[in-house]
């Protein structure tokens, strides 16, 4: 499981970018905000975090429907894929981390971005204030 998670994260890093260099895709024209979270499990149980995201246009502040939210996690999986916003600019995702990946004292992170409509990649940034984190 850990090897599969590492390979998945490595693949996502290549596709999404870590946000630490200036090469690669341009920054997203949209903001992705965490509207709510509902965490359950952890500490010996499968951890689930149901997260509601809202995508808005950076220049106008208007909500964006039909935007894909790209995720990059240091562990676990995010479902459903793809995450596409509804007419209200919101989409709900579930971040799941299996017990095997819950090492005591380790913090895992889930970063997001939203590429321009029709785009496929944007830079996720684990240092972004909207990055969701959990420590076991």
N, C-alpha and C. Protein backbone atom coordinates (compact mmCIF):
# COMPACT_ATOMS: atom_id res chain seq x y z
N UNK A 1 0.82 -1.20 0.00
CA UNK A 1 0.00 0.00 0.00
C UNK A 1 0.86 1.26 0.00
N UNK A 2 1.89 1.30 0.85
CA UNK A 2 2.74 2.50 0.90
C UNK A 2 3.47 2.72 -0.41
N UNK A 3 3.94 1.63 -1.02
CA UNK A 3 4.62 1.77 -2.30
C UNK A 3 3.66 2.31 -3.36
N UNK A 4 2.43 1.80 -3.38
CA UNK A 4 1.44 2.27 -4.33
C UNK A 4 1.13 3.75 -4.09
N UNK A 5 1.03 4.14 -2.83
CA UNK A 5 0.76 5.54 -2.50
C UNK A 5 1.92 6.42 -2.96
N UNK A 6 3.17 5.94 -2.73
CA UNK A 6 4.33 6.71 -3.14
C UNK A 6 4.34 6.89 -4.65
N UNK A 7 4.08 5.80 -5.39
CA UNK A 7 4.06 5.87 -6.85
C UNK A 7 2.97 6.83 -7.31
N UNK A 8 1.78 6.75 -6.67
CA UNK A 8 0.69 7.66 -7.03
C UNK A 8 1.09 9.10 -6.77
N UNK A 9 1.69 9.37 -5.61
CA UNK A 9 2.12 10.74 -5.30
C UNK A 9 3.18 11.21 -6.27
N UNK A 10 4.11 10.31 -6.62
CA UNK A 10 5.15 10.67 -7.56
C UNK A 10 4.54 11.01 -8.92
N UNK A 11 3.59 10.21 -9.36
CA UNK A 11 2.92 10.48 -10.63
C UNK A 11 2.16 11.80 -10.57
N UNK A 12 1.46 12.04 -9.45
CA UNK A 12 0.73 13.29 -9.32
C UNK A 12 1.67 14.47 -9.25
N UNK A 13 2.83 14.29 -8.61
CA UNK A 13 3.81 15.38 -8.55
C UNK A 13 4.26 15.76 -9.94
N UNK A 14 4.46 14.77 -10.77
CA UNK A 14 4.89 15.06 -12.14
C UNK A 14 3.78 15.75 -12.92
N UNK A 15 2.53 15.35 -12.69
CA UNK A 15 1.41 15.92 -13.43
C UNK A 15 1.00 17.28 -12.91
N UNK A 16 1.02 17.45 -11.59
CA UNK A 16 0.49 18.66 -10.99
C UNK A 16 1.55 19.67 -10.62
N UNK A 17 2.75 19.22 -10.37
CA UNK A 17 3.81 20.11 -9.94
C UNK A 17 3.75 20.34 -8.46
N UNK A 18 4.89 20.59 -7.86
CA UNK A 18 4.94 20.80 -6.42
C UNK A 18 4.77 22.26 -6.06
N UNK A 19 4.85 23.13 -7.03
CA UNK A 19 4.72 24.55 -6.77
C UNK A 19 6.00 25.17 -6.24
N UNK A 20 7.11 24.43 -6.30
CA UNK A 20 8.35 24.94 -5.73
C UNK A 20 9.30 25.52 -6.78
N UNK A 21 9.02 25.33 -8.06
CA UNK A 21 9.89 25.90 -9.08
C UNK A 21 9.08 26.80 -10.00
N UNK A 22 9.78 27.51 -10.86
CA UNK A 22 9.08 28.45 -11.72
C UNK A 22 8.76 27.86 -13.09
N UNK A 23 9.23 26.65 -13.37
CA UNK A 23 8.91 26.03 -14.65
C UNK A 23 7.58 25.29 -14.54
N UNK A 24 7.09 24.81 -15.67
CA UNK A 24 5.85 24.04 -15.64
C UNK A 24 4.65 24.89 -15.95
N UNK A 25 3.48 24.41 -15.54
CA UNK A 25 2.24 25.10 -15.90
C UNK A 25 2.12 26.46 -15.22
N UNK A 26 1.38 27.36 -15.84
CA UNK A 26 1.18 28.68 -15.22
C UNK A 26 0.28 28.54 -13.99
N UNK A 27 0.29 29.55 -13.13
CA UNK A 27 -0.61 29.51 -11.98
C UNK A 27 -2.06 29.50 -12.42
N UNK A 28 -2.91 28.94 -11.59
CA UNK A 28 -4.33 28.85 -11.89
C UNK A 28 -4.99 30.23 -11.83
N UNK A 29 -5.98 30.48 -12.70
CA UNK A 29 -6.74 31.74 -12.62
C UNK A 29 -7.82 31.67 -11.53
N UNK A 30 -7.90 30.54 -10.83
CA UNK A 30 -8.95 30.32 -9.84
C UNK A 30 -8.39 30.11 -8.44
N UNK A 31 -9.20 30.45 -7.45
CA UNK A 31 -8.90 30.12 -6.05
C UNK A 31 -9.72 28.89 -5.68
N UNK A 32 -9.13 28.00 -4.89
CA UNK A 32 -9.84 26.85 -4.35
C UNK A 32 -9.84 27.02 -2.83
N UNK A 33 -11.02 27.10 -2.25
CA UNK A 33 -11.15 27.29 -0.80
C UNK A 33 -11.86 26.10 -0.17
N UNK A 34 -11.40 25.73 1.04
CA UNK A 34 -12.08 24.69 1.82
C UNK A 34 -13.25 25.37 2.52
N UNK A 35 -14.47 24.92 2.23
CA UNK A 35 -15.67 25.48 2.84
C UNK A 35 -16.01 24.75 4.13
N UNK A 36 -15.86 23.41 4.12
CA UNK A 36 -16.13 22.63 5.34
C UNK A 36 -15.39 21.31 5.28
N UNK A 37 -15.18 20.72 6.47
CA UNK A 37 -14.56 19.41 6.60
C UNK A 37 -15.34 18.61 7.62
N UNK A 38 -15.40 17.30 7.43
CA UNK A 38 -16.03 16.40 8.39
C UNK A 38 -15.13 15.18 8.51
N UNK A 39 -14.27 15.16 9.55
CA UNK A 39 -13.30 14.10 9.74
C UNK A 39 -13.87 12.98 10.59
N UNK A 40 -13.45 11.73 10.27
CA UNK A 40 -13.81 10.59 11.09
C UNK A 40 -12.71 9.54 11.00
N UNK A 41 -12.62 8.68 12.02
CA UNK A 41 -11.64 7.62 12.04
C UNK A 41 -10.28 8.10 12.48
N UNK A 42 -9.24 7.40 12.05
CA UNK A 42 -7.88 7.68 12.46
C UNK A 42 -7.53 6.90 13.72
N UNK A 43 -6.28 6.96 14.16
CA UNK A 43 -5.80 6.26 15.35
C UNK A 43 -6.26 4.80 15.37
N UNK A 44 -5.85 4.07 14.36
CA UNK A 44 -6.17 2.65 14.29
C UNK A 44 -7.40 2.33 13.47
N UNK A 45 -8.05 3.33 12.94
CA UNK A 45 -9.21 3.14 12.06
C UNK A 45 -8.94 3.89 10.76
N UNK A 46 -9.60 3.46 9.69
CA UNK A 46 -9.46 4.18 8.42
C UNK A 46 -9.91 5.63 8.65
N UNK A 47 -9.08 6.58 8.20
CA UNK A 47 -9.37 8.01 8.34
C UNK A 47 -10.09 8.49 7.09
N UNK A 48 -11.19 9.20 7.28
CA UNK A 48 -11.93 9.82 6.19
C UNK A 48 -12.15 11.29 6.51
N UNK A 49 -11.95 12.13 5.54
CA UNK A 49 -12.23 13.56 5.68
C UNK A 49 -13.08 13.96 4.48
N UNK A 50 -14.33 14.30 4.74
CA UNK A 50 -15.23 14.77 3.68
C UNK A 50 -15.05 16.28 3.61
N UNK A 51 -14.58 16.75 2.46
CA UNK A 51 -14.20 18.14 2.28
C UNK A 51 -15.05 18.77 1.18
N UNK A 52 -15.62 19.95 1.48
CA UNK A 52 -16.34 20.71 0.46
C UNK A 52 -15.43 21.85 0.02
N UNK A 53 -15.14 21.88 -1.28
CA UNK A 53 -14.33 22.93 -1.88
C UNK A 53 -15.22 23.89 -2.66
N UNK A 54 -14.77 25.15 -2.74
CA UNK A 54 -15.44 26.14 -3.59
C UNK A 54 -14.38 26.78 -4.48
N UNK A 55 -14.68 26.87 -5.76
CA UNK A 55 -13.77 27.46 -6.73
C UNK A 55 -14.32 28.81 -7.17
N UNK A 56 -13.47 29.85 -7.07
CA UNK A 56 -13.86 31.20 -7.49
C UNK A 56 -12.81 31.75 -8.44
N UNK A 57 -13.23 32.66 -9.28
CA UNK A 57 -12.34 33.35 -10.21
C UNK A 57 -11.49 34.34 -9.42
N UNK A 58 -10.17 34.32 -9.60
CA UNK A 58 -9.29 35.22 -8.85
C UNK A 58 -9.57 36.69 -9.14
N UNK A 59 -9.91 37.02 -10.37
CA UNK A 59 -10.08 38.43 -10.70
C UNK A 59 -11.44 38.98 -10.31
N UNK A 60 -12.51 38.19 -10.46
CA UNK A 60 -13.85 38.72 -10.18
C UNK A 60 -14.45 38.23 -8.87
N UNK A 61 -13.94 37.10 -8.34
CA UNK A 61 -14.52 36.53 -7.13
C UNK A 61 -15.77 35.70 -7.37
N UNK A 62 -16.21 35.61 -8.63
CA UNK A 62 -17.41 34.84 -8.95
C UNK A 62 -17.12 33.34 -8.84
N UNK A 63 -18.15 32.58 -8.42
CA UNK A 63 -17.99 31.13 -8.36
C UNK A 63 -17.86 30.58 -9.78
N UNK A 64 -17.15 29.46 -9.91
CA UNK A 64 -16.88 28.88 -11.22
C UNK A 64 -17.50 27.48 -11.28
N UNK A 65 -18.47 27.31 -12.15
CA UNK A 65 -19.05 25.97 -12.34
C UNK A 65 -18.28 25.25 -13.43
N UNK A 66 -18.23 23.93 -13.32
CA UNK A 66 -17.54 23.13 -14.33
C UNK A 66 -16.04 23.11 -14.19
N UNK A 67 -15.51 23.64 -13.09
CA UNK A 67 -14.05 23.63 -12.87
C UNK A 67 -13.64 22.29 -12.27
N UNK A 68 -12.54 21.77 -12.72
CA UNK A 68 -11.99 20.54 -12.15
C UNK A 68 -11.03 20.91 -11.03
N UNK A 69 -11.20 20.29 -9.86
CA UNK A 69 -10.29 20.49 -8.74
C UNK A 69 -9.26 19.36 -8.79
N UNK A 70 -8.00 19.73 -8.91
CA UNK A 70 -6.89 18.78 -8.95
C UNK A 70 -6.36 18.62 -7.53
N UNK A 71 -6.15 17.37 -7.10
CA UNK A 71 -5.63 17.12 -5.75
C UNK A 71 -4.30 16.41 -5.82
N UNK A 72 -3.50 16.62 -4.78
CA UNK A 72 -2.23 15.92 -4.61
C UNK A 72 -2.09 15.64 -3.13
N UNK A 73 -1.97 14.36 -2.76
CA UNK A 73 -1.90 13.96 -1.36
C UNK A 73 -0.58 13.27 -1.06
N UNK A 74 -0.08 13.48 0.15
CA UNK A 74 1.13 12.78 0.56
C UNK A 74 0.83 11.34 0.96
N UNK A 75 -0.42 11.02 1.21
CA UNK A 75 -0.86 9.65 1.50
C UNK A 75 -2.35 9.56 1.24
N UNK A 76 -2.82 8.36 0.96
CA UNK A 76 -4.26 8.14 0.81
C UNK A 76 -4.77 8.39 -0.59
N UNK A 77 -6.10 8.37 -0.69
CA UNK A 77 -6.77 8.55 -1.97
C UNK A 77 -7.87 9.61 -1.82
N UNK A 78 -8.23 10.20 -2.94
CA UNK A 78 -9.31 11.18 -2.98
C UNK A 78 -10.34 10.68 -3.99
N UNK A 79 -11.61 10.75 -3.59
CA UNK A 79 -12.69 10.32 -4.48
C UNK A 79 -13.84 11.30 -4.35
N UNK A 80 -14.66 11.47 -5.34
CA UNK A 80 -14.56 10.85 -6.67
C UNK A 80 -13.54 11.58 -7.52
N UNK A 81 -13.16 10.95 -8.58
CA UNK A 81 -12.28 11.56 -9.57
C UNK A 81 -13.01 11.47 -10.90
N UNK A 82 -13.18 12.52 -11.65
CA UNK A 82 -12.71 13.87 -11.39
C UNK A 82 -13.63 14.61 -10.42
N UNK A 83 -13.06 15.63 -9.79
CA UNK A 83 -13.82 16.53 -8.92
C UNK A 83 -14.20 17.74 -9.76
N UNK A 84 -15.47 17.87 -10.10
CA UNK A 84 -15.93 18.96 -10.97
C UNK A 84 -16.99 19.76 -10.22
N UNK A 85 -16.82 21.08 -10.19
CA UNK A 85 -17.73 21.93 -9.45
C UNK A 85 -19.12 22.01 -10.09
N UNK A 86 -20.11 22.13 -9.22
CA UNK A 86 -21.51 22.29 -9.64
C UNK A 86 -21.77 23.76 -9.97
N UNK A 87 -23.01 24.10 -10.24
CA UNK A 87 -23.39 25.47 -10.59
C UNK A 87 -23.04 26.47 -9.48
N UNK A 88 -23.01 26.00 -8.22
CA UNK A 88 -22.67 26.89 -7.10
C UNK A 88 -21.17 26.99 -6.87
N UNK A 89 -20.37 26.40 -7.76
CA UNK A 89 -18.91 26.47 -7.65
C UNK A 89 -18.33 25.50 -6.63
N UNK A 90 -19.16 24.59 -6.10
CA UNK A 90 -18.69 23.69 -5.03
C UNK A 90 -18.65 22.23 -5.50
N UNK A 91 -17.75 21.49 -4.85
CA UNK A 91 -17.62 20.05 -5.09
C UNK A 91 -17.20 19.41 -3.76
N UNK A 92 -17.70 18.19 -3.54
CA UNK A 92 -17.39 17.46 -2.31
C UNK A 92 -16.47 16.29 -2.63
N UNK A 93 -15.40 16.16 -1.83
CA UNK A 93 -14.43 15.08 -2.00
C UNK A 93 -14.26 14.35 -0.68
N UNK A 94 -13.87 13.09 -0.75
CA UNK A 94 -13.53 12.33 0.45
C UNK A 94 -12.07 11.90 0.36
N UNK A 95 -11.27 12.33 1.35
CA UNK A 95 -9.86 11.94 1.46
C UNK A 95 -9.79 10.79 2.43
N UNK A 96 -9.28 9.64 1.98
CA UNK A 96 -9.21 8.44 2.80
C UNK A 96 -7.75 8.04 2.99
N UNK A 97 -7.38 7.78 4.26
CA UNK A 97 -6.03 7.30 4.57
C UNK A 97 -6.18 6.00 5.35
N UNK A 98 -5.60 4.93 4.80
CA UNK A 98 -5.67 3.62 5.43
C UNK A 98 -4.81 3.59 6.71
N UNK A 99 -5.11 2.66 7.60
CA UNK A 99 -4.40 2.52 8.88
C UNK A 99 -2.90 2.34 8.65
N UNK A 100 -2.51 1.58 7.63
CA UNK A 100 -1.10 1.31 7.36
C UNK A 100 -0.30 2.59 7.09
N UNK A 101 -0.96 3.65 6.67
CA UNK A 101 -0.28 4.91 6.37
C UNK A 101 -0.39 5.94 7.50
N UNK A 102 -0.87 5.51 8.66
CA UNK A 102 -1.05 6.41 9.79
C UNK A 102 0.10 6.27 10.79
N UNK A 103 1.27 6.70 10.40
CA UNK A 103 2.43 6.64 11.27
C UNK A 103 2.33 7.74 12.33
N UNK A 104 2.49 7.36 13.59
CA UNK A 104 2.37 8.31 14.69
C UNK A 104 3.35 9.48 14.52
N UNK A 105 2.84 10.68 14.68
CA UNK A 105 3.65 11.88 14.60
C UNK A 105 3.88 12.41 13.19
N UNK A 106 3.44 11.68 12.17
CA UNK A 106 3.62 12.12 10.78
C UNK A 106 2.41 12.91 10.33
N UNK A 107 2.67 14.04 9.69
CA UNK A 107 1.59 14.86 9.14
C UNK A 107 1.46 14.57 7.65
N UNK A 108 0.23 14.30 7.23
CA UNK A 108 -0.05 14.13 5.80
C UNK A 108 -0.81 15.36 5.32
N UNK A 109 -0.66 15.66 4.03
CA UNK A 109 -1.26 16.87 3.47
C UNK A 109 -1.99 16.55 2.17
N UNK A 110 -3.04 17.34 1.94
CA UNK A 110 -3.82 17.26 0.71
C UNK A 110 -3.88 18.67 0.13
N UNK A 111 -3.19 18.86 -1.00
CA UNK A 111 -3.14 20.16 -1.67
C UNK A 111 -4.07 20.13 -2.88
N UNK A 112 -4.54 21.31 -3.29
CA UNK A 112 -5.45 21.41 -4.42
C UNK A 112 -5.10 22.59 -5.32
N UNK A 113 -5.62 22.54 -6.52
CA UNK A 113 -5.60 23.67 -7.43
C UNK A 113 -6.70 23.43 -8.45
N UNK A 114 -7.03 24.42 -9.24
CA UNK A 114 -8.05 24.28 -10.28
C UNK A 114 -7.50 24.91 -11.55
N UNK A 115 -7.23 24.08 -12.58
CA UNK A 115 -6.73 24.64 -13.83
C UNK A 115 -7.82 25.42 -14.54
N UNK A 116 -7.40 26.24 -15.47
CA UNK A 116 -8.36 26.97 -16.30
C UNK A 116 -9.31 25.97 -16.95
N UNK A 117 -10.57 26.36 -17.13
CA UNK A 117 -11.54 25.47 -17.77
C UNK A 117 -10.94 24.97 -19.09
N UNK A 118 -10.95 23.67 -19.28
CA UNK A 118 -10.35 23.07 -20.46
C UNK A 118 -8.89 22.70 -20.27
N UNK A 119 -8.27 23.20 -19.20
CA UNK A 119 -6.88 22.86 -18.91
C UNK A 119 -6.80 21.55 -18.14
N UNK A 120 -5.62 20.97 -18.06
CA UNK A 120 -5.46 19.69 -17.40
C UNK A 120 -4.53 19.74 -16.19
N UNK A 121 -3.66 20.74 -16.11
CA UNK A 121 -2.69 20.78 -15.02
C UNK A 121 -2.60 22.18 -14.42
N UNK A 122 -2.21 22.22 -13.17
CA UNK A 122 -1.91 23.45 -12.47
C UNK A 122 -1.00 23.08 -11.30
N UNK A 123 -0.44 24.05 -10.64
CA UNK A 123 0.50 23.78 -9.55
C UNK A 123 -0.21 23.67 -8.22
N UNK A 124 -0.11 22.49 -7.61
CA UNK A 124 -0.58 22.34 -6.23
C UNK A 124 0.56 22.80 -5.33
N UNK A 125 0.22 23.33 -4.17
CA UNK A 125 1.23 23.84 -3.25
C UNK A 125 0.92 23.36 -1.84
N UNK A 126 1.79 22.49 -1.30
CA UNK A 126 1.57 21.99 0.05
C UNK A 126 1.70 23.10 1.10
N UNK A 127 2.33 24.21 0.76
CA UNK A 127 2.46 25.32 1.69
C UNK A 127 1.28 26.28 1.66
N UNK A 128 0.34 26.07 0.74
CA UNK A 128 -0.83 26.94 0.62
C UNK A 128 -1.69 26.86 1.88
N UNK A 129 -2.25 27.99 2.32
CA UNK A 129 -3.08 27.97 3.53
C UNK A 129 -4.31 27.08 3.42
N UNK A 130 -4.79 26.81 2.22
CA UNK A 130 -5.97 25.95 2.05
C UNK A 130 -5.62 24.47 2.01
N UNK A 131 -4.35 24.12 2.13
CA UNK A 131 -3.94 22.72 2.17
C UNK A 131 -4.49 22.10 3.44
N UNK A 132 -5.13 20.94 3.30
CA UNK A 132 -5.70 20.22 4.44
C UNK A 132 -4.60 19.32 5.01
N UNK A 133 -4.45 19.31 6.34
CA UNK A 133 -3.41 18.51 6.98
C UNK A 133 -4.00 17.68 8.10
N UNK A 134 -3.39 16.51 8.33
CA UNK A 134 -3.78 15.66 9.47
C UNK A 134 -2.51 15.02 10.02
N UNK A 135 -2.40 15.00 11.34
CA UNK A 135 -1.27 14.35 12.02
C UNK A 135 -1.82 13.21 12.87
N UNK A 136 -1.20 12.07 12.76
CA UNK A 136 -1.65 10.91 13.53
C UNK A 136 -0.81 10.72 14.78
